PDB file of N, CA and C in Angstrom:
ATOM      1  N   MET A   1     -81.270  47.710  61.345  1.00  0.00           N
ATOM      2  CA  MET A   1     -80.455  47.619  62.675  1.00  0.00           C
ATOM      3  C   MET A   1     -79.880  49.074  62.704  1.00  0.00           C
ATOM      4  N   GLU A   2     -79.883  49.476  63.886  1.00  0.00           N
ATOM      5  CA  GLU A   2     -79.235  50.887  64.121  1.00  0.00           C
ATOM      6  C   GLU A   2     -77.849  50.910  64.325  1.00  0.00           C
ATOM      7  N   ILE A   3     -77.240  52.032  64.222  1.00  0.00           N
ATOM      8  CA  ILE A   3     -75.747  52.037  64.211  1.00  0.00           C
ATOM      9  C   ILE A   3     -75.248  51.501  65.517  1.00  0.00           C
ATOM     10  N   LYS A   4     -75.970  51.995  66.759  1.00  0.00           N
ATOM     11  CA  LYS A   4     -75.353  51.400  67.975  1.00  0.00           C
ATOM     12  C   LYS A   4     -75.570  49.992  68.069  1.00  0.00           C
ATOM     13  N   GLU A   5     -76.454  49.337  67.456  1.00  0.00           N
ATOM     14  CA  GLU A   5     -76.573  47.831  67.546  1.00  0.00           C
ATOM     15  C   GLU A   5     -75.496  47.260  66.638  1.00  0.00           C
ATOM     16  N   GLN A   6     -75.095  47.784  65.549  1.00  0.00           N
ATOM     17  CA  GLN A   6     -74.095  47.425  64.675  1.00  0.00           C
ATOM     18  C   GLN A   6     -72.770  47.448  65.322  1.00  0.00           C
ATOM     19  N   LEU A   7     -72.452  48.597  66.044  1.00  0.00           N
ATOM     20  CA  LEU A   7     -71.249  48.665  66.681  1.00  0.00           C
ATOM     21  C   LEU A   7     -71.123  47.741  67.919  1.00  0.00           C
ATOM     22  N   GLN A   8     -72.129  47.450  68.707  1.00  0.00           N
ATOM     23  CA  GLN A   8     -72.173  46.634  69.739  1.00  0.00           C
ATOM     24  C   GLN A   8     -71.787  45.210  69.227  1.00  0.00           C
ATOM     25  N   GLU A   9     -72.607  44.748  68.113  1.00  0.00           N
ATOM     26  CA  GLU A   9     -72.396  43.557  67.514  1.00  0.00           C
ATOM     27  C   GLU A   9     -70.861  43.193  67.091  1.00  0.00           C
ATOM     28  N   LEU A  10     -70.355  44.452  66.618  1.00  0.00           N
ATOM     29  CA  LEU A  10     -69.063  44.300  66.045  1.00  0.00           C
ATOM     30  C   LEU A  10     -67.973  44.219  67.389  1.00  0.00           C
ATOM     31  N   GLU A  11     -68.311  44.950  68.306  1.00  0.00           N
ATOM     32  CA  GLU A  11     -67.464  44.851  69.505  1.00  0.00           C
ATOM     33  C   GLU A  11     -67.561  43.506  70.135  1.00  0.00           C
ATOM     34  N   ASP A  12     -68.733  42.852  70.241  1.00  0.00           N
ATOM     35  CA  ASP A  12     -68.994  41.531  70.662  1.00  0.00           C
ATOM     36  C   ASP A  12     -67.878  40.598  70.040  1.00  0.00           C
ATOM     37  N   LYS A  13     -68.195  40.616  68.529  1.00  0.00           N
ATOM     38  CA  LYS A  13     -67.319  39.714  67.631  1.00  0.00           C
ATOM     39  C   LYS A  13     -65.906  39.784  67.871  1.00  0.00           C
ATOM     40  N   LEU A  14     -65.407  41.201  67.990  1.00  0.00           N
ATOM     41  CA  LEU A  14     -64.069  41.498  68.192  1.00  0.00           C
ATOM     42  C   LEU A  14     -63.575  40.743  69.700  1.00  0.00           C
ATOM     43  N   SER A  15     -64.268  41.080  70.595  1.00  0.00           N
ATOM     44  CA  SER A  15     -64.009  40.667  71.881  1.00  0.00           C
ATOM     45  C   SER A  15     -63.882  39.011  71.932  1.00  0.00           C
ATOM     46  N   LYS A  16     -64.783  38.380  71.321  1.00  0.00           N
ATOM     47  CA  LYS A  16     -64.871  37.050  71.260  1.00  0.00           C
ATOM     48  C   LYS A  16     -63.704  36.486  70.405  1.00  0.00           C
ATOM     49  N   GLY A  17     -63.298  37.171  69.323  1.00  0.00           N
ATOM     50  CA  GLY A  17     -62.138  36.700  68.638  1.00  0.00           C
ATOM     51  C   GLY A  17     -60.859  36.983  69.325  1.00  0.00           C
ATOM     52  N   LEU A  18     -60.734  38.068  70.237  1.00  0.00           N
ATOM     53  CA  LEU A  18     -59.511  38.361  70.838  1.00  0.00           C
ATOM     54  C   LEU A  18     -59.204  37.223  71.997  1.00  0.00           C
ATOM     55  N   LYS A  19     -60.419  36.870  72.647  1.00  0.00           N
ATOM     56  CA  LYS A  19     -60.433  35.934  73.700  1.00  0.00           C
ATOM     57  C   LYS A  19     -59.913  34.524  73.155  1.00  0.00           C
ATOM     58  N   GLU A  20     -60.421  34.267  71.928  1.00  0.00           N
ATOM     59  CA  GLU A  20     -60.157  32.986  71.374  1.00  0.00           C
ATOM     60  C   GLU A  20     -58.596  32.839  71.014  1.00  0.00           C
ATOM     61  N   ALA A  21     -58.143  34.085  70.288  1.00  0.00           N
ATOM     62  CA  ALA A  21     -56.787  34.136  69.984  1.00  0.00           C
ATOM     63  C   ALA A  21     -55.800  34.082  71.251  1.00  0.00           C
ATOM     64  N   TYR A  22     -56.180  34.616  72.306  1.00  0.00           N
ATOM     65  CA  TYR A  22     -55.466  34.543  73.489  1.00  0.00           C
ATOM     66  C   TYR A  22     -55.222  33.053  74.028  1.00  0.00           C
ATOM     67  N   LYS A  23     -56.384  32.389  74.079  1.00  0.00           N
ATOM     68  CA  LYS A  23     -56.515  31.020  74.354  1.00  0.00           C
ATOM     69  C   LYS A  23     -55.531  30.109  73.612  1.00  0.00           C
ATOM     70  N   LYS A  24     -55.537  30.409  72.260  1.00  0.00           N
ATOM     71  CA  LYS A  24     -54.717  29.703  71.404  1.00  0.00           C
ATOM     72  C   LYS A  24     -53.295  30.125  71.598  1.00  0.00           C
ATOM     73  N   MET A  25     -52.963  31.269  71.738  1.00  0.00           N
ATOM     74  CA  MET A  25     -51.594  31.607  72.139  1.00  0.00           C
ATOM     75  C   MET A  25     -50.951  31.163  73.324  1.00  0.00           C
ATOM     76  N   ILE A  26     -51.764  31.056  74.382  1.00  0.00           N
ATOM     77  CA  ILE A  26     -51.327  30.594  75.454  1.00  0.00           C
ATOM     78  C   ILE A  26     -51.057  28.892  75.406  1.00  0.00           C
ATOM     79  N   ALA A  27     -51.903  28.185  74.718  1.00  0.00           N
ATOM     80  CA  ALA A  27     -51.793  26.731  74.535  1.00  0.00           C
ATOM     81  C   ALA A  27     -50.719  26.530  73.605  1.00  0.00           C
ATOM     82  N   PHE A  28     -50.245  27.462  72.638  1.00  0.00           N
ATOM     83  CA  PHE A  28     -49.071  27.128  71.769  1.00  0.00           C
ATOM     84  C   PHE A  28     -47.876  27.445  72.627  1.00  0.00           C
ATOM     85  N   LYS A  29     -47.876  28.368  73.491  1.00  0.00           N
ATOM     86  CA  LYS A  29     -46.680  28.774  74.282  1.00  0.00           C
ATOM     87  C   LYS A  29     -46.507  27.658  75.368  1.00  0.00           C
ATOM     88  N   GLN A  30     -47.471  26.992  75.861  1.00  0.00           N
ATOM     89  CA  GLN A  30     -47.197  25.933  76.806  1.00  0.00           C
ATOM     90  C   GLN A  30     -46.770  24.597  76.037  1.00  0.00           C
ATOM     91  N   GLN A  31     -47.161  24.398  74.836  1.00  0.00           N
ATOM     92  CA  GLN A  31     -46.849  23.292  74.035  1.00  0.00           C
ATOM     93  C   GLN A  31     -45.323  23.545  73.734  1.00  0.00           C
ATOM     94  N   LYS A  32     -44.939  24.599  73.295  1.00  0.00           N
ATOM     95  CA  LYS A  32     -43.429  24.788  72.871  1.00  0.00           C
ATOM     96  C   LYS A  32     -42.605  25.221  74.145  1.00  0.00           C
ATOM     97  N   ASN A  33     -43.323  25.352  75.257  1.00  0.00           N
ATOM     98  CA  ASN A  33     -42.562  25.725  76.419  1.00  0.00           C
ATOM     99  C   ASN A  33     -41.698  27.073  76.215  1.00  0.00           C
ATOM    100  N   THR A  34     -42.402  28.054  75.690  1.00  0.00           N
ATOM    101  CA  THR A  34     -41.612  29.352  75.339  1.00  0.00           C
ATOM    102  C   THR A  34     -42.307  30.452  76.136  1.00  0.00           C
ATOM    103  N   PRO A  35     -41.619  31.375  76.614  1.00  0.00           N
ATOM    104  CA  PRO A  35     -42.021  32.584  77.393  1.00  0.00           C
ATOM    105  C   PRO A  35     -43.073  33.458  76.479  1.00  0.00           C
ATOM    106  N   ILE A  36     -43.988  34.046  77.300  1.00  0.00           N
ATOM    107  CA  ILE A  36     -44.801  35.002  76.814  1.00  0.00           C
ATOM    108  C   ILE A  36     -44.041  36.446  77.105  1.00  0.00           C
ATOM    109  N   ILE A  37     -43.840  37.244  75.902  1.00  0.00           N
ATOM    110  CA  ILE A  37     -43.254  38.494  76.156  1.00  0.00           C
ATOM    111  C   ILE A  37     -44.181  39.683  76.160  1.00  0.00           C
ATOM    112  N   VAL A  38     -43.939  40.389  77.189  1.00  0.00           N
ATOM    113  CA  VAL A  38     -45.004  41.499  77.294  1.00  0.00           C
ATOM    114  C   VAL A  38     -44.226  42.917  77.719  1.00  0.00           C
ATOM    115  N   SER A  39     -44.812  43.907  77.645  1.00  0.00           N
ATOM    116  CA  SER A  39     -44.261  45.101  78.186  1.00  0.00           C
ATOM    117  C   SER A  39     -45.216  45.611  79.475  1.00  0.00           C
ATOM    118  N   LYS A  40     -44.392  45.912  80.472  1.00  0.00           N
ATOM    119  CA  LYS A  40     -44.934  46.417  81.732  1.00  0.00           C
ATOM    120  C   LYS A  40     -44.383  47.572  82.233  1.00  0.00           C
ATOM    121  N   ASN A  41     -44.905  48.554  82.234  1.00  0.00           N
ATOM    122  CA  ASN A  41     -44.308  49.876  82.714  1.00  0.00           C
ATOM    123  C   ASN A  41     -43.172  50.288  81.909  1.00  0.00           C
ATOM    124  N   GLY A  42     -43.319  49.896  80.618  1.00  0.00           N
ATOM    125  CA  GLY A  42     -42.210  50.485  79.710  1.00  0.00           C
ATOM    126  C   GLY A  42     -40.949  49.337  79.783  1.00  0.00           C
ATOM    127  N   LYS A  43     -41.075  48.380  80.395  1.00  0.00           N
ATOM    128  CA  LYS A  43     -39.968  47.429  80.418  1.00  0.00           C
ATOM    129  C   LYS A  43     -40.527  46.034  79.939  1.00  0.00           C
ATOM    130  N   ILE A  44     -39.639  45.391  79.175  1.00  0.00           N
ATOM    131  CA  ILE A  44     -39.939  43.986  78.577  1.00  0.00           C
ATOM    132  C   ILE A  44     -39.857  42.988  79.581  1.00  0.00           C
ATOM    133  N   ILE A  45     -40.720  42.121  79.752  1.00  0.00           N
ATOM    134  CA  ILE A  45     -40.568  41.025  80.647  1.00  0.00           C
ATOM    135  C   ILE A  45     -41.054  39.724  80.099  1.00  0.00           C
ATOM    136  N   LYS A  46     -40.465  38.641  80.560  1.00  0.00           N
ATOM    137  CA  LYS A  46     -40.893  37.375  79.904  1.00  0.00           C
ATOM    138  C   LYS A  46     -41.624  36.540  80.989  1.00  0.00           C
ATOM    139  N   ILE A  47     -42.773  35.973  80.673  1.00  0.00           N
ATOM    140  CA  ILE A  47     -43.667  35.248  81.631  1.00  0.00           C
ATOM    141  C   ILE A  47     -43.602  33.615  81.068  1.00  0.00           C
ATOM    142  N   LYS A  48     -43.499  32.857  82.228  1.00  0.00           N
ATOM    143  CA  LYS A  48     -43.685  31.501  81.640  1.00  0.00           C
ATOM    144  C   LYS A  48     -45.090  31.032  81.636  1.00  0.00           C
ATOM    145  N   PRO A  49     -45.587  30.451  80.620  1.00  0.00           N
ATOM    146  CA  PRO A  49     -46.992  29.937  80.588  1.00  0.00           C
ATOM    147  C   PRO A  49     -47.245  28.743  81.612  1.00  0.00           C
ATOM    148  N   LYS A  50     -48.146  28.848  82.514  1.00  0.00           N
ATOM    149  CA  LYS A  50     -48.344  27.859  83.500  1.00  0.00           C
ATOM    150  C   LYS A  50     -49.086  26.699  82.730  1.00  0.00           C
ATOM    151  N   GLN A  51     -48.777  25.379  83.308  1.00  0.00           N
ATOM    152  CA  GLN A  51     -49.244  24.278  82.708  1.00  0.00           C
ATOM    153  C   GLN A  51     -50.486  23.852  83.613  1.00  0.00           C
ATOM    154  N   ASN A  52     -51.646  23.556  83.119  1.00  0.00           N
ATOM    155  CA  ASN A  52     -52.967  23.202  83.952  1.00  0.00           C
ATOM    156  C   ASN A  52     -53.046  21.773  83.889  1.00  0.00           C
TER     157      ASN A  52
END
């Protein structure tokens, strides 16, 4: 397996893992009814997770 293929495989695994972690974080925040804290343009903001 070439280096490019190995890097692509690693990138795919990381992307999949980050998406799964994001889904779990949103579900947890919805369950606990707590805001998601993010930084936008250098300012800290709170976002309420939406219930679907």
